[in-house]
């Protein structure tokens, strides 16, 4: 009899445990087919009985050759039988960069909830696998790079907009791409071609995304600019800039364009030469002449010092601005991106290394205009480079973390080989962007040391 009672208690306990409500994770991904550059929306609903004591730990939902952005988030409740569930409704926007199949699998959500207040439990819930397809419309197959949006404009500003330019001045051309329905990272960079009579110094691009939680609309801007140093008198002509893009709403190709600009450049300022002439006193006494001559020299020295004190701060500010400009030019260069990649890779963080790799590829000229890993592999034709990148991607995007340690050495060596090949086939890539001597940052150091 005692054994029967114990057995009944065990069965009751097991039934109670089985009946204990558990957290729920629901996922949907729509639409199943999207245009490259347009989002597939992943909806994740995380629900727990009673309430969650901590926010759920979500995956980052990063997919190879895609950009994931966080969409709207809101609280929600649901009821199953006599159990009330509290939860959070998440939306993630996944923007594919290339045509092909995309899938999310092996993801888990960590949920901490109160099963029997104040007692809490923590559990990991696997997410159902989801997938979608991305394609480029046949009518837009000729676009390279392919850019899609629901709306897009191209604007430019010229600074300064003066009609009295002269050799030695500088003008800055700023071009802004504004898009609706596309992230800034997928907007095309502006290429500033060399212009006769100038030296060109590109500035670091500025990217900005804004997501409206209420409307679900993503707006973005990409701003590129370049400074032209005017070297000689004449007419400077900045060419028009344009590119074609796919209007998703109207399903047709449209062209974004800014007009060319022309400027008349006068010669540089004339150099003033000569020195003050001595006075023509002929019959003063020797002592009076001596005093007058020395007072004249003293006044001249005072005047010169006053002029120097008045003129020096603007000169220093100008030199400092040029120095900062040079730093900005370097920071947006391929060389700086490679140094960042090498430094981050040495730390052994695969995800950070892959992000740095994407930035470097976007600035590596042989991979233009798309600036993607696929374009780099196609240009390099190096099986070692392809193998090392594939190995890194496998570690970054694998469903489970790889146990073995990762060495960045072979990857960096393969990339250095690709850079050497690029310098051999494109000699201009090996030439550093040098600034004119009068705005060389070294002159700032020398001038400051002399003060």
Protein backbone atom coordinates (compact mmCIF):
# COMPACT_ATOMS: atom_id res chain seq x y z
CA UNK A 1 0.00 0.00 0.00
CA UNK A 2 2.80 2.40 0.88
CA UNK A 3 4.44 1.73 -2.48
CA UNK A 4 1.19 2.54 -4.27
CA UNK A 5 0.85 5.84 -2.41
CA UNK A 6 4.45 6.82 -3.25
CA UNK A 7 3.82 5.92 -6.89
CA UNK A 8 0.68 8.02 -7.00
CA UNK A 9 2.55 11.02 -5.56
CA UNK A 10 5.30 10.60 -8.16
CA UNK A 11 2.78 10.46 -11.00
CA UNK A 12 0.99 13.54 -9.67
CA UNK A 13 4.27 15.45 -9.37
CA UNK A 14 5.25 14.49 -12.91
CA UNK A 15 1.86 15.56 -14.22
CA UNK A 16 2.13 18.87 -12.40
CA UNK A 17 5.58 19.43 -13.82
CA UNK A 18 4.35 18.57 -17.31
CA UNK A 19 1.46 20.97 -16.90
CA UNK A 20 3.70 23.87 -15.83
CA UNK A 21 3.38 26.56 -18.52
CA UNK A 22 6.58 27.20 -20.46
CA UNK A 23 7.79 30.24 -22.43
CA UNK A 24 6.90 30.47 -26.11
CA UNK A 25 8.87 31.90 -29.04
CA UNK A 26 6.97 32.52 -32.29
CA UNK A 27 8.64 33.69 -35.52
CA UNK A 28 7.47 34.76 -38.96
CA UNK A 29 9.46 36.17 -41.87
CA UNK A 30 7.75 38.02 -44.71
CA UNK A 31 7.75 38.34 -47.63
CA UNK A 32 9.25 35.10 -48.91
CA UNK A 33 10.67 36.89 -51.98
CA UNK A 34 12.27 40.36 -51.88
CA UNK A 35 14.25 42.62 -54.18
CA UNK A 36 17.95 42.94 -53.36
CA UNK A 37 18.37 45.89 -51.00
CA UNK A 38 14.78 45.68 -49.72
CA UNK A 39 13.93 44.21 -46.31
CA UNK A 40 12.49 40.90 -45.31
CA UNK A 41 10.76 41.51 -41.98
CA UNK A 42 11.49 39.00 -39.22
CA UNK A 43 8.89 39.09 -36.42
CA UNK A 44 9.83 37.42 -33.14
CA UNK A 45 7.30 37.18 -30.30
CA UNK A 46 8.76 36.15 -26.95
CA UNK A 47 6.13 35.14 -24.36
CA UNK A 48 6.47 33.92 -20.79
CA UNK A 49 3.85 32.83 -18.21
CA UNK A 50 3.25 35.46 -15.53
CA UNK A 51 6.04 37.89 -16.39
CA UNK A 52 9.71 38.09 -17.39
CA UNK A 53 12.11 39.24 -14.69
CA UNK A 54 14.76 40.24 -17.26
CA UNK A 55 14.65 41.28 -20.91
CA UNK A 56 15.11 38.24 -23.15
CA UNK A 57 18.57 37.72 -24.61
CA UNK A 58 18.08 37.83 -28.38
CA UNK A 59 20.44 36.71 -31.17
CA UNK A 60 21.86 39.46 -33.39
CA UNK A 61 20.33 37.80 -36.49
CA UNK A 62 23.36 38.61 -38.64
CA UNK A 63 23.30 36.80 -41.99
CA UNK A 64 26.12 36.55 -44.49
CA UNK A 65 25.81 39.17 -47.29
CA UNK A 66 22.94 40.92 -45.51
CA UNK A 67 22.44 43.88 -43.18
CA UNK A 68 20.13 43.50 -40.18
CA UNK A 69 18.47 46.54 -38.61
CA UNK A 70 16.25 46.64 -35.52
CA UNK A 71 12.69 47.65 -36.30
CA UNK A 72 9.81 48.37 -33.94
CA UNK A 73 9.49 46.83 -30.48
CA UNK A 74 6.37 46.74 -28.30
CA UNK A 75 4.97 44.92 -25.28
CA UNK A 76 2.22 42.36 -25.73
CA UNK A 77 0.06 39.88 -23.82
CA UNK A 78 -1.59 36.61 -24.78
CA UNK A 79 -3.76 34.05 -23.08
CA UNK A 80 -3.79 30.28 -23.44
CA UNK A 81 -6.47 28.55 -21.42
CA UNK A 82 -6.34 30.02 -17.95
CA UNK A 83 -2.69 31.14 -18.25
CA UNK A 84 -1.77 34.74 -19.06
CA UNK A 85 1.45 35.31 -20.98
CA UNK A 86 3.41 38.57 -21.02
CA UNK A 87 5.90 39.22 -23.75
CA UNK A 88 7.61 41.44 -26.29
CA UNK A 89 6.99 41.77 -30.02
CA UNK A 90 10.24 42.38 -31.95
CA UNK A 91 10.72 43.30 -35.60
CA UNK A 92 14.02 42.98 -37.45
CA UNK A 93 14.62 44.23 -40.99
CA UNK A 94 17.01 42.06 -43.02
CA UNK A 95 18.41 43.73 -46.16
CA UNK A 96 20.07 41.29 -48.61
CA UNK A 97 23.06 42.70 -50.50
CA UNK A 98 23.11 40.08 -53.26
CA UNK A 99 20.68 37.79 -55.06
CA UNK A 100 20.30 34.32 -53.56
CA UNK A 101 18.82 32.29 -50.72
CA UNK A 102 19.01 33.46 -47.10
CA UNK A 103 18.22 31.44 -43.99
CA UNK A 104 18.21 31.77 -40.21
CA UNK A 105 18.59 28.58 -38.21
CA UNK A 106 20.10 27.32 -34.98
CA UNK A 107 19.16 30.52 -33.10
CA UNK A 108 18.05 30.48 -29.45
CA UNK A 109 16.39 32.99 -27.12
CA UNK A 110 17.28 33.05 -23.42
CA UNK A 111 14.25 33.85 -21.24
CA UNK A 112 14.19 34.54 -17.49
CA UNK A 113 10.67 34.46 -16.04
CA UNK A 114 8.77 34.03 -12.81
CA UNK A 115 7.10 30.61 -12.89
CA UNK A 116 5.88 30.82 -9.31
CA UNK A 117 6.51 34.32 -7.88
CA UNK A 118 8.94 35.16 -6.44
CA UNK A 119 10.73 32.08 -7.80
CA UNK A 120 12.36 32.53 -11.23
CA UNK A 121 13.55 30.19 -13.96
CA UNK A 122 15.87 30.69 -16.92
CA UNK A 123 15.53 28.66 -20.09
CA UNK A 124 16.72 28.66 -23.69
CA UNK A 125 14.07 28.30 -26.38
CA UNK A 126 15.16 27.32 -29.91
CA UNK A 127 13.76 29.41 -32.73
CA UNK A 128 12.14 27.81 -35.77
CA UNK A 129 14.22 28.10 -38.94
CA UNK A 130 13.09 30.71 -41.48
CA UNK A 131 14.28 31.57 -44.98
CA UNK A 132 13.64 33.89 -47.91
CA UNK A 133 14.82 34.59 -51.46
CA UNK A 134 16.33 37.81 -52.87
CA UNK A 135 16.49 38.63 -56.55
CA UNK A 136 17.26 41.47 -58.96
CA UNK A 137 14.41 42.26 -61.38
CA UNK A 138 15.16 41.37 -65.00
CA UNK A 139 14.51 44.97 -66.04
CA UNK A 140 17.30 46.12 -63.69
CA UNK A 141 19.88 43.44 -64.47
CA UNK A 142 22.15 45.99 -66.17
CA UNK A 143 22.54 48.18 -63.06
CA UNK A 144 26.01 48.01 -61.51
CA UNK A 145 25.92 48.55 -58.64
CA UNK A 146 22.29 47.64 -58.10
CA UNK A 147 20.55 50.16 -55.82
CA UNK A 148 16.89 49.83 -54.85
CA UNK A 149 14.67 52.18 -52.85
CA UNK A 150 11.12 53.49 -52.68
CA UNK A 151 12.45 57.03 -53.15
CA UNK A 152 15.88 58.55 -53.81
CA UNK A 153 17.35 62.00 -54.50
CA UNK A 154 20.84 63.34 -55.17
CA UNK A 155 21.88 66.82 -53.98
CA UNK A 156 25.09 68.84 -54.04
CA UNK A 157 26.52 71.92 -52.32
CA UNK A 158 29.63 73.91 -53.24
CA UNK A 159 31.52 75.84 -50.56
CA UNK A 160 32.54 78.58 -50.82
CA UNK A 161 30.19 79.70 -53.59
CA UNK A 162 32.36 82.72 -54.40
CA UNK A 163 32.94 84.16 -57.86
CA UNK A 164 36.32 85.59 -56.81
CA UNK A 165 38.40 82.44 -56.54
CA UNK A 166 42.14 82.55 -57.05
CA UNK A 167 44.98 80.05 -57.23
CA UNK A 168 45.72 78.71 -53.76
CA UNK A 169 42.06 78.74 -52.66
CA UNK A 170 40.06 75.59 -51.99
CA UNK A 171 36.48 74.59 -52.76
CA UNK A 172 34.54 71.68 -51.27
CA UNK A 173 31.93 69.72 -53.21
CA UNK A 174 29.43 67.90 -51.00
CA UNK A 175 27.09 65.30 -52.52
CA UNK A 176 24.26 63.79 -50.48
CA UNK A 177 22.20 60.73 -51.41
CA UNK A 178 18.84 60.68 -49.61
CA UNK A 179 16.83 57.46 -49.77
CA UNK A 180 13.65 55.99 -48.39
CA UNK A 181 13.42 52.26 -47.86
CA UNK A 182 17.15 51.50 -48.05
CA UNK A 183 19.90 51.52 -45.37
CA UNK A 184 22.77 53.98 -45.77
CA UNK A 185 25.33 51.18 -46.08
CA UNK A 186 23.71 50.09 -49.36
CA UNK A 187 23.74 53.56 -50.93
CA UNK A 188 26.44 54.00 -53.59
CA UNK A 189 29.56 56.03 -52.75
CA UNK A 190 30.25 59.13 -54.83
CA UNK A 191 33.41 58.91 -56.92
CA UNK A 192 35.11 62.28 -57.41
CA UNK A 193 37.13 62.14 -60.62
CA UNK A 194 40.39 64.13 -60.97
CA UNK A 195 39.90 67.65 -62.35
CA UNK A 196 42.54 69.54 -64.34
CA UNK A 197 44.11 72.43 -62.45
CA UNK A 198 43.29 70.99 -59.02
CA UNK A 199 44.39 68.48 -56.45
CA UNK A 200 41.56 66.52 -54.90
CA UNK A 201 41.30 65.31 -51.30
CA UNK A 202 38.23 63.14 -50.52
CA UNK A 203 36.74 63.44 -47.05
CA UNK A 204 35.36 60.69 -44.84
CA UNK A 205 31.75 59.78 -45.78
CA UNK A 206 28.93 60.30 -43.30
CA UNK A 207 26.15 57.69 -43.09
CA UNK A 208 22.91 58.07 -41.18
CA UNK A 209 19.80 55.87 -40.74
CA UNK A 210 16.53 56.89 -39.13
CA UNK A 211 13.71 54.43 -38.47
CA UNK A 212 10.22 55.73 -37.70
CA UNK A 213 8.72 53.35 -35.15
CA UNK A 214 5.15 54.48 -35.86
CA UNK A 215 5.22 54.27 -39.67
CA UNK A 216 7.87 51.58 -40.04
CA UNK A 217 9.69 53.66 -42.66
CA UNK A 218 13.49 53.72 -42.88
CA UNK A 219 15.12 56.88 -44.25
CA UNK A 220 18.84 57.18 -44.82
CA UNK A 221 21.48 59.58 -46.08
CA UNK A 222 25.00 59.13 -47.36
CA UNK A 223 27.12 62.27 -47.63
CA UNK A 224 30.40 62.27 -49.56
CA UNK A 225 32.58 65.33 -50.05
CA UNK A 226 35.91 66.26 -51.59
CA UNK A 227 38.11 69.34 -51.31
CA UNK A 228 39.69 70.69 -54.49
CA UNK A 229 42.89 72.75 -54.09
CA UNK A 230 43.04 75.27 -56.95
CA UNK A 231 46.58 75.19 -58.35
CA UNK A 232 46.49 77.53 -61.34
CA UNK A 233 44.50 80.29 -62.99
CA UNK A 234 41.89 79.29 -65.55
CA UNK A 235 38.50 77.61 -65.69
CA UNK A 236 37.84 74.67 -63.37
CA UNK A 237 35.01 72.36 -64.41
CA UNK A 238 33.54 69.85 -61.97
CA UNK A 239 31.74 67.14 -63.98
CA UNK A 240 28.14 66.08 -63.48
CA UNK A 241 27.49 63.09 -61.22
CA UNK A 242 24.78 60.51 -61.81
CA UNK A 243 23.75 56.91 -61.24
CA UNK A 244 20.72 54.75 -62.02
CA UNK A 245 18.58 53.09 -59.36
CA UNK A 246 15.57 50.79 -59.16
CA UNK A 247 12.32 52.37 -57.99
CA UNK A 248 10.65 49.56 -56.05
CA UNK A 249 7.33 51.37 -55.82
CA UNK A 250 7.00 52.17 -59.54
CA UNK A 251 9.04 49.13 -60.70
CA UNK A 252 11.27 51.05 -63.08
CA UNK A 253 14.80 52.42 -63.45
CA UNK A 254 15.30 56.07 -62.56
CA UNK A 255 18.36 58.31 -62.72
CA UNK A 256 19.70 60.53 -59.95
CA UNK A 257 21.89 63.40 -61.15
CA UNK A 258 23.59 66.63 -60.10
CA UNK A 259 24.70 69.23 -62.65
CA UNK A 260 28.31 70.13 -63.52
CA UNK A 261 29.85 73.24 -61.99
CA UNK A 262 32.36 75.71 -63.48
CA UNK A 263 34.56 78.29 -61.76
CA UNK A 264 36.86 81.04 -62.98
CA UNK A 265 40.14 81.00 -61.08
CA UNK A 266 42.29 84.12 -61.06
CA UNK A 267 46.06 84.20 -60.54
CA UNK A 268 47.55 84.17 -57.04
CA UNK A 269 48.09 87.37 -55.06
CA UNK A 270 51.07 89.46 -56.08
CA UNK A 271 54.07 89.51 -53.79
CA UNK A 272 54.71 92.90 -52.28
CA UNK A 273 58.42 93.74 -52.20
CA UNK A 274 60.52 96.66 -50.99
CA UNK A 275 61.39 98.29 -47.70
CA UNK A 276 60.54 101.64 -46.20
CA UNK A 277 62.77 104.36 -47.44
CA UNK A 278 64.80 106.44 -45.06
CA UNK A 279 63.68 109.94 -44.40
CA UNK A 280 65.31 112.85 -46.24
CA UNK A 281 66.41 114.95 -43.32
CA UNK A 282 69.46 116.89 -44.43
CA UNK A 283 70.27 119.51 -41.79
CA UNK A 284 69.24 118.33 -38.31
CA UNK A 285 71.65 118.13 -35.54
CA UNK A 286 73.47 114.83 -35.20
CA UNK A 287 71.88 113.96 -31.90
CA UNK A 288 68.35 114.75 -33.16
CA UNK A 289 68.94 112.67 -36.31
CA UNK A 290 70.22 109.80 -34.21
CA UNK A 291 67.12 109.87 -31.97
CA UNK A 292 64.74 110.18 -34.89
CA UNK A 293 66.34 107.28 -36.75
CA UNK A 294 66.17 105.04 -33.70
CA UNK A 295 62.56 105.97 -32.95
CA UNK A 296 61.64 105.17 -36.51
CA UNK A 297 63.24 101.73 -36.20
CA UNK A 298 61.51 101.20 -32.87
CA UNK A 299 58.11 102.19 -34.25
CA UNK A 300 58.66 99.95 -37.28
CA UNK A 301 59.51 97.03 -35.02
CA UNK A 302 56.45 97.65 -32.83
CA UNK A 303 54.24 97.88 -35.90
CA UNK A 304 55.69 94.66 -37.32
CA UNK A 305 55.17 92.82 -34.03
CA UNK A 306 51.60 94.10 -33.79
CA UNK A 307 50.92 92.92 -37.33
CA UNK A 308 52.44 89.52 -36.56
CA UNK A 309 50.38 89.12 -33.37
CA UNK A 310 47.23 90.08 -35.28
CA UNK A 311 47.92 87.76 -38.24
CA UNK A 312 49.36 84.73 -36.46
CA UNK A 313 46.19 83.21 -34.88
CA UNK A 314 44.31 82.94 -38.22
CA UNK A 315 47.42 81.39 -39.80
CA UNK A 316 47.69 78.84 -37.01
CA UNK A 317 43.97 78.10 -37.21
CA UNK A 318 44.25 77.59 -40.96
CA UNK A 319 47.24 75.28 -40.56
CA UNK A 320 45.42 73.37 -37.84
CA UNK A 321 42.33 73.01 -40.06
CA UNK A 322 44.50 71.65 -42.85
CA UNK A 323 46.15 69.23 -40.45
CA UNK A 324 42.76 67.96 -39.26
CA UNK A 325 41.64 67.67 -42.88
CA UNK A 326 44.65 65.52 -43.68
CA UNK A 327 43.83 63.27 -40.73
CA UNK A 328 40.26 62.93 -42.00
CA UNK A 329 41.53 62.01 -45.46
CA UNK A 330 43.76 59.32 -43.98
CA UNK A 331 41.02 57.94 -41.73
CA UNK A 332 38.77 57.28 -44.72
CA UNK A 333 41.56 55.73 -46.78
CA UNK A 334 42.06 52.09 -47.67
CA UNK A 335 45.39 52.09 -45.81
CA UNK A 336 43.75 53.18 -42.55
CA UNK A 337 41.01 50.58 -42.94
CA UNK A 338 43.65 47.88 -43.48
CA UNK A 339 45.59 48.95 -40.38
CA UNK A 340 42.35 48.77 -38.37
CA UNK A 341 41.66 45.31 -39.81
CA UNK A 342 45.14 44.06 -38.92
CA UNK A 343 44.95 45.50 -35.38
CA UNK A 344 41.48 44.05 -34.70
CA UNK A 345 42.39 40.68 -36.23
CA UNK A 346 45.33 40.31 -33.84
CA UNK A 347 42.87 40.48 -30.93
CA UNK A 348 41.23 37.26 -32.16
CA UNK A 349 37.61 38.51 -32.19
CA UNK A 350 36.07 36.90 -35.29
CA UNK A 351 32.95 39.11 -35.47
CA UNK A 352 34.88 42.37 -35.05
CA UNK A 353 37.42 41.16 -37.60
CA UNK A 354 34.67 40.39 -40.12
CA UNK A 355 33.14 43.85 -39.64
CA UNK A 356 36.58 45.45 -40.16
CA UNK A 357 37.04 43.27 -43.26
CA UNK A 358 33.79 44.61 -44.74
CA UNK A 359 34.93 48.21 -44.14
CA UNK A 360 38.31 47.54 -45.79
CA UNK A 361 36.75 45.83 -48.82
CA UNK A 362 34.42 48.81 -49.32
CA UNK A 363 37.52 51.05 -49.69
CA UNK A 364 39.64 48.62 -51.73
CA UNK A 365 39.50 50.03 -55.26
CA UNK A 366 39.81 46.73 -57.18
CA UNK A 367 36.60 45.55 -55.46
CA UNK A 368 34.67 48.61 -56.72
CA UNK A 369 31.96 49.48 -57.49
CA UNK A 370 30.09 46.99 -55.30
CA UNK A 371 32.78 46.78 -52.59
CA UNK A 372 31.68 43.31 -51.50
CA UNK A 373 33.50 40.15 -50.43
CA UNK A 374 32.26 38.47 -53.60
CA UNK A 375 33.82 41.19 -55.77
CA UNK A 376 37.13 40.91 -53.87
CA UNK A 377 37.28 37.14 -54.40
CA UNK A 378 36.46 37.49 -58.11
CA UNK A 379 39.19 40.10 -58.64
CA UNK A 380 41.90 38.43 -56.56
CA UNK A 381 41.42 34.90 -57.89
CA UNK A 382 43.40 33.66 -54.89
CA UNK A 383 42.22 30.31 -53.47
CA UNK A 384 44.09 30.96 -50.21
CA UNK A 385 42.30 34.29 -49.70
CA UNK A 386 38.93 32.71 -50.56
CA UNK A 387 39.59 29.83 -48.16
CA UNK A 388 40.57 32.11 -45.26
CA UNK A 389 37.55 34.39 -45.76
CA UNK A 390 35.26 31.35 -45.97
CA UNK A 391 36.80 30.01 -42.76
CA UNK A 392 36.19 33.33 -40.99
CA UNK A 393 32.60 33.51 -42.27
CA UNK A 394 31.96 29.96 -41.11
CA UNK A 395 33.09 30.88 -37.60
CA UNK A 396 31.08 34.12 -37.56
CA UNK A 397 27.85 32.74 -38.99
CA UNK A 398 27.94 29.19 -37.63
CA UNK A 399 24.94 28.19 -35.54
CA UNK A 400 27.29 27.18 -32.70
CA UNK A 401 30.61 28.71 -31.75
CA UNK A 402 33.66 26.80 -32.97
CA UNK A 403 35.72 25.35 -30.10
CA UNK A 404 39.14 25.69 -31.71
CA UNK A 405 41.05 28.96 -31.47
CA UNK A 406 41.30 31.07 -34.61
CA UNK A 407 44.51 32.51 -36.05
CA UNK A 408 44.26 35.67 -38.12
CA UNK A 409 47.77 35.35 -39.56
CA UNK A 410 46.91 33.47 -42.80
CA UNK A 411 44.02 35.84 -43.56
CA UNK A 412 46.12 38.99 -43.09
CA UNK A 413 48.95 37.47 -45.18
CA UNK A 414 46.50 36.71 -48.01
CA UNK A 415 45.08 40.24 -47.86
CA UNK A 416 48.59 41.74 -47.94
CA UNK A 417 49.24 39.65 -51.06
CA UNK A 418 46.07 41.07 -52.65
CA UNK A 419 47.18 44.62 -51.80
CA UNK A 420 50.61 43.97 -53.35
CA UNK A 421 48.91 42.70 -56.49
CA UNK A 422 46.73 45.82 -56.58
CA UNK A 423 49.77 48.11 -56.29
CA UNK A 424 51.47 46.21 -59.13
CA UNK A 425 48.49 46.46 -61.48
CA UNK A 426 47.39 49.91 -60.33
CA UNK A 427 50.53 52.00 -59.62
CA UNK A 428 48.41 55.00 -58.62
CA UNK A 429 47.21 53.08 -55.54
CA UNK A 430 50.74 53.12 -54.15
CA UNK A 431 51.04 56.90 -54.33
CA UNK A 432 50.13 58.59 -51.05
CA UNK A 433 47.84 61.61 -51.09
CA UNK A 434 50.36 64.35 -50.37
CA UNK A 435 49.25 67.83 -49.43
CA UNK A 436 50.95 71.03 -50.66
CA UNK A 437 53.99 72.03 -48.67
CA UNK A 438 52.38 75.15 -47.27
CA UNK A 439 49.76 73.06 -45.45
CA UNK A 440 52.00 70.17 -44.47
CA UNK A 441 51.26 69.22 -40.83
CA UNK A 442 55.03 69.15 -40.16
CA UNK A 443 55.12 72.89 -40.74
CA UNK A 444 52.60 73.28 -37.92
CA UNK A 445 54.93 71.49 -35.53
CA UNK A 446 57.93 73.56 -36.62
CA UNK A 447 55.99 76.80 -36.36
CA UNK A 448 54.70 75.97 -32.87
CA UNK A 449 58.21 75.07 -31.71
CA UNK A 450 59.50 78.42 -32.95
CA UNK A 451 56.93 80.39 -30.91
